[in-house]
Amino acid sequence: MEAPSNLDLIVTIIPKGQSDKIVTASKRAGAQGGTILHGRGTGIHEHKKLFGISIEPEKEVIFTLVPPSKTDEILEAIVEAGRLNEPGTGVGFVLEAKKIVGIHHPVDTSG
């Protein structure tokens, strides 16, 4: 089976504990799944203090490979589920993924 030659990569960075609702919403909108990574924020608004010690809030990063024909619908579902249009709730963006290897299941690119 040949992997698709291009897909879009939706990257969503959200506060820790929010990934389940994002992945669920993206699957309902047509995504086949996602990869969740753990990270920490270092932005200008990220530093909080606890007993005078600066802490950096934990984040989750979700990578979702999707056919370009489904990108807008899936991204819209992610934005709604994560309330990404509200300040401090996270960020999402789309990159074009080329030369993909390792996908060994059919990907519906028809939309």
Protein backbone atom coordinates (compact mmCIF):
# COMPACT_ATOMS: atom_id res chain seq x y z
CA MET A 1 0.00 0.00 0.00
CA GLU A 2 1.34 3.40 -0.97
CA ALA A 3 1.14 6.27 1.54
CA PRO A 4 -0.53 9.49 0.39
CA SER A 5 1.94 11.93 -1.12
CA ASN A 6 0.64 14.89 0.85
CA LEU A 7 -1.54 15.56 3.84
CA ASP A 8 -2.08 18.55 6.10
CA LEU A 9 -0.71 18.48 9.62
CA ILE A 10 -2.91 20.22 12.17
CA VAL A 11 -0.88 21.12 15.25
CA THR A 12 -2.84 21.99 18.38
CA ILE A 13 -1.13 23.21 21.57
CA ILE A 14 -3.42 23.29 24.58
CA PRO A 15 -3.28 23.20 28.40
CA LYS A 16 -2.65 19.77 29.91
CA GLY A 17 -5.79 17.67 30.28
CA GLN A 18 -7.61 19.05 27.23
CA SER A 19 -6.42 16.57 24.58
CA ASP A 20 -9.25 14.03 24.92
CA LYS A 21 -11.94 16.50 23.90
CA ILE A 22 -9.81 17.81 21.02
CA VAL A 23 -9.11 14.34 19.62
CA THR A 24 -12.75 13.31 20.06
CA ALA A 25 -13.95 16.41 18.18
CA SER A 26 -11.42 15.92 15.39
CA LYS A 27 -12.47 12.28 14.94
CA ARG A 28 -16.13 13.28 14.76
CA ALA A 29 -15.17 15.75 12.02
CA GLY A 30 -13.35 13.08 9.98
CA ALA A 31 -9.83 12.67 11.38
CA GLN A 32 -8.60 9.12 11.89
CA GLY A 33 -6.67 9.88 15.06
CA GLY A 34 -3.78 11.90 16.37
CA THR A 35 -0.52 11.84 18.27
CA ILE A 36 -0.32 13.54 21.67
CA LEU A 37 2.96 14.87 23.04
CA HIS A 38 3.59 16.52 26.39
CA GLY A 39 5.35 19.88 26.63
CA ARG A 40 5.60 23.05 28.67
CA GLY A 41 4.91 26.67 27.88
CA THR A 42 7.57 29.35 27.81
CA GLY A 43 5.61 32.30 26.38
CA ILE A 44 5.42 35.73 27.97
CA HIS A 45 2.13 34.87 29.68
CA GLU A 46 3.12 31.35 30.72
CA HIS A 47 5.15 31.97 33.87
CA LYS A 48 3.28 31.66 37.14
CA LYS A 49 4.69 31.61 40.62
CA LEU A 50 4.08 29.21 43.47
CA PHE A 51 5.71 30.18 46.77
CA GLY A 52 7.95 32.57 44.85
CA ILE A 53 9.18 29.83 42.49
CA SER A 54 8.50 30.35 38.79
CA ILE A 55 6.66 27.41 37.20
CA GLU A 56 5.88 26.76 33.56
CA PRO A 57 2.42 25.33 32.83
CA GLU A 58 2.29 21.92 31.22
CA LYS A 59 0.92 21.63 27.68
CA GLU A 60 -0.27 18.93 25.34
CA VAL A 61 0.61 19.05 21.67
CA ILE A 62 -1.59 17.14 19.24
CA PHE A 63 -0.44 16.22 15.74
CA THR A 64 -3.29 15.31 13.39
CA LEU A 65 -2.55 14.29 9.79
CA VAL A 66 -5.58 14.91 7.58
CA PRO A 67 -6.43 15.03 3.89
CA PRO A 68 -6.44 18.66 2.64
CA SER A 69 -10.09 18.27 1.64
CA LYS A 70 -11.02 17.77 5.32
CA THR A 71 -8.65 20.27 6.94
CA ASP A 72 -11.07 23.18 7.36
CA GLU A 73 -13.85 21.05 8.84
CA ILE A 74 -11.53 19.29 11.29
CA LEU A 75 -9.77 22.52 12.29
CA GLU A 76 -13.14 24.17 12.93
CA ALA A 77 -14.14 21.26 15.20
CA ILE A 78 -10.84 21.58 17.10
CA VAL A 79 -11.27 25.34 17.54
CA GLU A 80 -14.81 24.87 18.84
CA ALA A 81 -13.94 22.00 21.21
CA GLY A 82 -10.90 23.79 22.64
CA ARG A 83 -12.45 27.28 22.56
CA LEU A 84 -9.26 28.36 20.79
CA ASN A 85 -10.80 31.72 19.83
CA GLU A 86 -10.68 32.68 23.52
CA PRO A 87 -7.44 34.05 25.06
CA GLY A 88 -5.27 31.58 26.96
CA THR A 89 -6.97 28.42 25.68
CA GLY A 90 -4.36 27.30 23.19
CA VAL A 91 -3.20 27.67 19.63
CA GLY A 92 -3.66 25.70 16.45
CA PHE A 93 -2.09 25.88 13.02
CA VAL A 94 -1.84 23.90 9.80
CA LEU A 95 1.27 22.84 7.90
CA GLU A 96 1.52 21.01 4.60
CA ALA A 97 3.08 17.57 5.11
CA LYS A 98 4.93 16.12 2.13
CA LYS A 99 6.69 12.81 1.47
CA ILE A 100 4.88 10.85 4.14
CA VAL A 101 6.07 7.39 5.13
CA GLY A 102 4.86 4.90 7.70
CA ILE A 103 1.12 5.14 7.12
CA HIS A 104 -0.03 1.58 6.50
CA HIS A 105 -3.80 2.05 6.42
CA PRO A 106 -6.07 3.63 3.82
CA VAL A 107 -6.50 7.40 4.09
CA ASP A 108 -9.67 8.78 2.55
CA THR A 109 -8.46 11.82 0.61
CA SER A 110 -11.74 12.32 -1.26
CA GLY A 111 -13.35 14.55 1.36
